[in-house]
N, C-alpha and C. Protein backbone atom coordinates (compact mmCIF):
# COMPACT_ATOMS: atom_id res chain seq x y z
N MET A 1 0.83 -1.18 0.00
CA MET A 1 0.00 0.00 0.00
C MET A 1 0.88 1.25 0.00
N ILE A 2 0.51 2.21 -0.81
CA ILE A 2 1.26 3.46 -0.91
C ILE A 2 0.80 4.40 0.19
N LYS A 3 1.76 5.01 0.89
CA LYS A 3 1.45 5.98 1.94
C LYS A 3 1.86 7.36 1.47
N ILE A 4 0.90 8.27 1.43
CA ILE A 4 1.16 9.66 1.08
C ILE A 4 0.66 10.50 2.25
N LYS A 5 1.50 11.38 2.75
CA LYS A 5 1.08 12.24 3.85
C LYS A 5 0.81 13.64 3.32
N LEU A 6 -0.47 13.96 3.22
CA LEU A 6 -0.89 15.29 2.78
C LEU A 6 -1.41 16.08 3.97
N PRO A 7 -1.18 17.38 3.98
CA PRO A 7 -1.77 18.19 5.05
C PRO A 7 -3.27 18.32 4.84
N LYS A 8 -4.00 18.66 5.90
CA LYS A 8 -5.45 18.83 5.78
C LYS A 8 -5.78 20.04 4.92
N THR A 9 -4.95 21.07 4.98
CA THR A 9 -5.15 22.25 4.15
C THR A 9 -3.82 22.65 3.52
N ILE A 10 -3.92 23.31 2.38
CA ILE A 10 -2.74 23.83 1.69
C ILE A 10 -3.06 25.27 1.32
N ASP A 11 -2.22 26.20 1.76
CA ASP A 11 -2.43 27.61 1.44
C ASP A 11 -2.03 27.86 -0.01
N VAL A 12 -2.99 28.35 -0.79
CA VAL A 12 -2.77 28.65 -2.20
C VAL A 12 -2.95 30.15 -2.39
N GLU A 13 -1.96 30.78 -3.00
CA GLU A 13 -2.04 32.21 -3.30
C GLU A 13 -2.12 32.38 -4.81
N ILE A 14 -3.11 33.12 -5.27
CA ILE A 14 -3.30 33.35 -6.70
C ILE A 14 -3.21 34.85 -6.96
N LYS A 15 -2.33 35.23 -7.87
CA LYS A 15 -2.18 36.64 -8.26
C LYS A 15 -2.46 36.77 -9.74
N LYS A 16 -3.28 37.73 -10.10
CA LYS A 16 -3.58 37.97 -11.52
C LYS A 16 -2.45 38.78 -12.13
N LEU A 17 -1.94 38.31 -13.25
CA LEU A 17 -0.87 38.99 -13.97
C LEU A 17 -1.46 39.67 -15.20
N SER A 18 -0.63 40.32 -15.95
CA SER A 18 -1.09 40.98 -17.18
C SER A 18 -1.50 39.95 -18.23
N LYS A 19 -2.31 40.39 -19.15
CA LYS A 19 -2.76 39.57 -20.28
C LYS A 19 -3.53 38.33 -19.86
N GLY A 20 -4.23 38.38 -18.72
CA GLY A 20 -5.10 37.29 -18.30
C GLY A 20 -4.41 36.10 -17.66
N LYS A 21 -3.12 36.19 -17.43
CA LYS A 21 -2.40 35.08 -16.81
C LYS A 21 -2.48 35.18 -15.29
N PHE A 22 -2.15 34.07 -14.61
CA PHE A 22 -2.18 34.02 -13.16
C PHE A 22 -0.89 33.38 -12.65
N PHE A 23 -0.46 33.85 -11.48
CA PHE A 23 0.68 33.27 -10.78
C PHE A 23 0.11 32.54 -9.57
N VAL A 24 0.41 31.25 -9.45
CA VAL A 24 -0.10 30.44 -8.35
C VAL A 24 1.07 29.96 -7.50
N SER A 25 0.93 30.14 -6.20
CA SER A 25 1.97 29.73 -5.27
C SER A 25 1.37 28.90 -4.14
N LEU A 26 2.02 27.79 -3.81
CA LEU A 26 1.67 27.03 -2.61
C LEU A 26 2.57 27.62 -1.54
N VAL A 27 2.04 28.58 -0.83
CA VAL A 27 2.78 29.50 0.02
C VAL A 27 3.80 28.82 0.94
N LYS A 28 3.37 27.92 1.78
CA LYS A 28 4.27 27.31 2.77
C LYS A 28 5.23 26.29 2.16
N LEU A 29 4.95 25.87 0.93
CA LEU A 29 5.78 24.85 0.31
C LEU A 29 6.86 25.44 -0.59
N GLY A 30 6.72 26.72 -0.94
CA GLY A 30 7.73 27.38 -1.76
C GLY A 30 7.73 26.93 -3.21
N VAL A 31 6.59 26.48 -3.73
CA VAL A 31 6.50 26.09 -5.13
C VAL A 31 5.45 26.95 -5.82
N PHE A 32 5.60 27.11 -7.14
CA PHE A 32 4.70 28.00 -7.87
C PHE A 32 4.61 27.58 -9.32
N THR A 33 3.61 28.15 -10.00
CA THR A 33 3.44 27.93 -11.43
C THR A 33 2.74 29.14 -12.01
N GLU A 34 2.78 29.27 -13.32
CA GLU A 34 2.05 30.32 -14.03
C GLU A 34 0.96 29.65 -14.84
N VAL A 35 -0.22 30.25 -14.83
CA VAL A 35 -1.38 29.68 -15.50
C VAL A 35 -1.85 30.66 -16.57
N ASP A 36 -2.18 30.15 -17.76
CA ASP A 36 -2.56 31.00 -18.88
C ASP A 36 -3.99 31.55 -18.80
N SER A 37 -4.88 30.85 -18.10
CA SER A 37 -6.27 31.32 -18.04
C SER A 37 -6.94 30.88 -16.74
N GLU A 38 -8.02 31.55 -16.40
CA GLU A 38 -8.75 31.22 -15.18
C GLU A 38 -9.32 29.81 -15.24
N GLN A 39 -9.67 29.35 -16.43
CA GLN A 39 -10.23 28.01 -16.61
C GLN A 39 -9.22 26.92 -16.24
N GLU A 40 -7.95 27.22 -16.33
CA GLU A 40 -6.90 26.24 -16.03
C GLU A 40 -6.46 26.23 -14.57
N LEU A 41 -6.95 27.18 -13.78
CA LEU A 41 -6.45 27.34 -12.41
C LEU A 41 -6.52 26.06 -11.59
N ASN A 42 -7.71 25.49 -11.43
CA ASN A 42 -7.84 24.30 -10.58
C ASN A 42 -6.99 23.14 -11.09
N HIS A 43 -6.98 22.95 -12.39
CA HIS A 43 -6.18 21.85 -12.96
C HIS A 43 -4.69 22.04 -12.63
N MET A 44 -4.17 23.24 -12.83
CA MET A 44 -2.75 23.48 -12.60
C MET A 44 -2.40 23.46 -11.11
N ILE A 45 -3.31 23.92 -10.26
CA ILE A 45 -3.07 23.87 -8.82
C ILE A 45 -2.99 22.41 -8.37
N ASN A 46 -3.93 21.60 -8.86
CA ASN A 46 -3.89 20.17 -8.52
C ASN A 46 -2.61 19.54 -9.03
N ASP A 47 -2.21 19.87 -10.25
CA ASP A 47 -0.98 19.31 -10.81
C ASP A 47 0.23 19.69 -9.95
N LEU A 48 0.25 20.92 -9.47
CA LEU A 48 1.34 21.37 -8.61
C LEU A 48 1.37 20.58 -7.30
N ILE A 49 0.21 20.36 -6.71
CA ILE A 49 0.12 19.59 -5.46
C ILE A 49 0.52 18.13 -5.69
N TYR A 50 -0.02 17.53 -6.76
CA TYR A 50 0.31 16.13 -7.06
C TYR A 50 1.80 15.95 -7.30
N THR A 51 2.40 16.91 -8.00
CA THR A 51 3.83 16.82 -8.29
C THR A 51 4.66 17.00 -7.02
N TYR A 52 4.33 18.00 -6.22
CA TYR A 52 5.09 18.27 -4.99
C TYR A 52 5.05 17.07 -4.05
N TYR A 53 3.88 16.47 -3.89
CA TYR A 53 3.74 15.34 -2.96
C TYR A 53 3.94 13.98 -3.63
N ASP A 54 4.32 14.00 -4.92
CA ASP A 54 4.60 12.78 -5.66
C ASP A 54 3.43 11.79 -5.57
N VAL A 55 2.24 12.29 -5.88
CA VAL A 55 1.02 11.47 -5.83
C VAL A 55 0.93 10.65 -7.12
N PRO A 56 0.87 9.33 -7.02
CA PRO A 56 0.78 8.49 -8.22
C PRO A 56 -0.50 8.78 -9.02
N LYS A 57 -0.43 8.61 -10.33
CA LYS A 57 -1.57 8.89 -11.21
C LYS A 57 -2.85 8.19 -10.76
N HIS A 58 -2.75 6.93 -10.34
CA HIS A 58 -3.96 6.18 -9.99
C HIS A 58 -4.64 6.71 -8.73
N LEU A 59 -3.95 7.53 -7.94
CA LEU A 59 -4.56 8.12 -6.75
C LEU A 59 -5.05 9.55 -6.98
N GLN A 60 -4.62 10.18 -8.05
CA GLN A 60 -4.95 11.58 -8.28
C GLN A 60 -6.44 11.84 -8.46
N LYS A 61 -7.18 10.86 -8.91
CA LYS A 61 -8.62 11.06 -9.11
C LYS A 61 -9.41 10.91 -7.82
N GLN A 62 -8.75 10.54 -6.75
CA GLN A 62 -9.44 10.32 -5.48
C GLN A 62 -9.60 11.58 -4.66
N PHE A 63 -8.85 12.64 -4.94
CA PHE A 63 -8.98 13.88 -4.21
C PHE A 63 -8.45 15.02 -5.07
N HIS A 64 -8.93 16.23 -4.79
CA HIS A 64 -8.47 17.38 -5.56
C HIS A 64 -8.73 18.69 -4.82
N TYR A 65 -8.00 19.70 -5.23
CA TYR A 65 -8.12 21.04 -4.67
C TYR A 65 -9.38 21.70 -5.19
N ARG A 66 -10.06 22.44 -4.31
CA ARG A 66 -11.17 23.31 -4.70
C ARG A 66 -11.02 24.59 -3.91
N SER A 67 -11.29 25.69 -4.53
CA SER A 67 -11.21 26.99 -3.88
C SER A 67 -12.27 27.13 -2.79
N LYS A 68 -11.96 27.85 -1.73
CA LYS A 68 -12.94 28.10 -0.67
C LYS A 68 -14.14 28.88 -1.20
N GLU A 69 -13.93 29.65 -2.25
CA GLU A 69 -15.03 30.43 -2.83
C GLU A 69 -15.93 29.57 -3.71
N ASP A 70 -15.51 28.38 -4.02
CA ASP A 70 -16.29 27.47 -4.86
C ASP A 70 -17.58 27.10 -4.13
N GLU A 71 -18.71 27.25 -4.80
CA GLU A 71 -20.00 26.96 -4.19
C GLU A 71 -20.08 25.52 -3.69
N GLU A 72 -19.53 24.59 -4.45
CA GLU A 72 -19.54 23.18 -4.04
C GLU A 72 -18.70 22.98 -2.78
N TYR A 73 -17.61 23.73 -2.67
CA TYR A 73 -16.78 23.64 -1.46
C TYR A 73 -17.60 24.05 -0.23
N ASN A 74 -18.31 25.16 -0.36
CA ASN A 74 -19.09 25.65 0.78
C ASN A 74 -20.16 24.66 1.20
N LYS A 75 -20.74 23.93 0.26
CA LYS A 75 -21.75 22.92 0.60
C LYS A 75 -21.11 21.74 1.34
N ALA A 76 -19.86 21.43 1.01
CA ALA A 76 -19.20 20.26 1.57
C ALA A 76 -18.15 20.60 2.62
N LYS A 77 -18.15 21.82 3.10
CA LYS A 77 -17.14 22.28 4.06
C LYS A 77 -16.87 21.30 5.20
N PRO A 78 -17.88 20.70 5.78
CA PRO A 78 -17.59 19.78 6.90
C PRO A 78 -16.69 18.61 6.53
N PHE A 79 -16.61 18.28 5.25
CA PHE A 79 -15.80 17.14 4.83
C PHE A 79 -14.33 17.51 4.62
N ILE A 80 -14.00 18.78 4.62
CA ILE A 80 -12.66 19.34 4.48
C ILE A 80 -12.02 19.04 3.11
N ILE A 81 -12.10 17.83 2.64
CA ILE A 81 -11.45 17.47 1.38
C ILE A 81 -12.44 16.75 0.49
N PHE A 82 -12.42 17.05 -0.78
CA PHE A 82 -13.28 16.36 -1.74
C PHE A 82 -12.60 15.05 -2.10
N SER A 83 -13.36 13.99 -2.09
CA SER A 83 -12.75 12.70 -2.40
C SER A 83 -13.79 11.73 -2.94
N THR A 84 -13.31 10.65 -3.49
CA THR A 84 -14.18 9.59 -3.95
C THR A 84 -14.46 8.66 -2.78
N PRO A 85 -15.43 7.77 -2.90
CA PRO A 85 -15.70 6.84 -1.80
C PRO A 85 -14.51 5.94 -1.45
N ASN A 86 -13.56 5.78 -2.38
CA ASN A 86 -12.40 4.92 -2.14
C ASN A 86 -11.25 5.65 -1.47
N PHE A 87 -11.41 6.94 -1.19
CA PHE A 87 -10.31 7.72 -0.61
C PHE A 87 -9.91 7.15 0.74
N ASN A 88 -8.63 6.98 0.93
CA ASN A 88 -8.09 6.43 2.17
C ASN A 88 -7.67 7.58 3.08
N PRO A 89 -8.34 7.79 4.21
CA PRO A 89 -8.00 8.94 5.07
C PRO A 89 -6.59 8.88 5.63
N SER A 90 -5.89 7.79 5.51
CA SER A 90 -4.51 7.73 6.02
C SER A 90 -3.57 8.58 5.19
N TYR A 91 -4.04 9.10 4.03
CA TYR A 91 -3.21 9.98 3.20
C TYR A 91 -3.05 11.35 3.85
N ILE A 92 -3.89 11.68 4.81
CA ILE A 92 -3.88 13.00 5.42
C ILE A 92 -3.16 12.94 6.76
N GLN A 93 -2.32 13.93 7.00
CA GLN A 93 -1.59 14.00 8.27
C GLN A 93 -2.52 14.45 9.38
């Protein structure tokens, strides 16, 4: 069994740049990326998290980042993390 230790929350900072681009930083982790459009934000943030924590492809569909402003996030706030029914809570520290 693969053990991945993810924090319960990850601070994400998003800054809008010129020409519609965005700068995304995982603040406490010291990693960042540039995103070409708002539509790509969640995908690229997830990719940054998966890469930093070396999450295998077969586990990446079991959980993902969602913005606190996301309406779906607010509905599911008590669950803290979005996941599939197969998500193993031992992945979280």
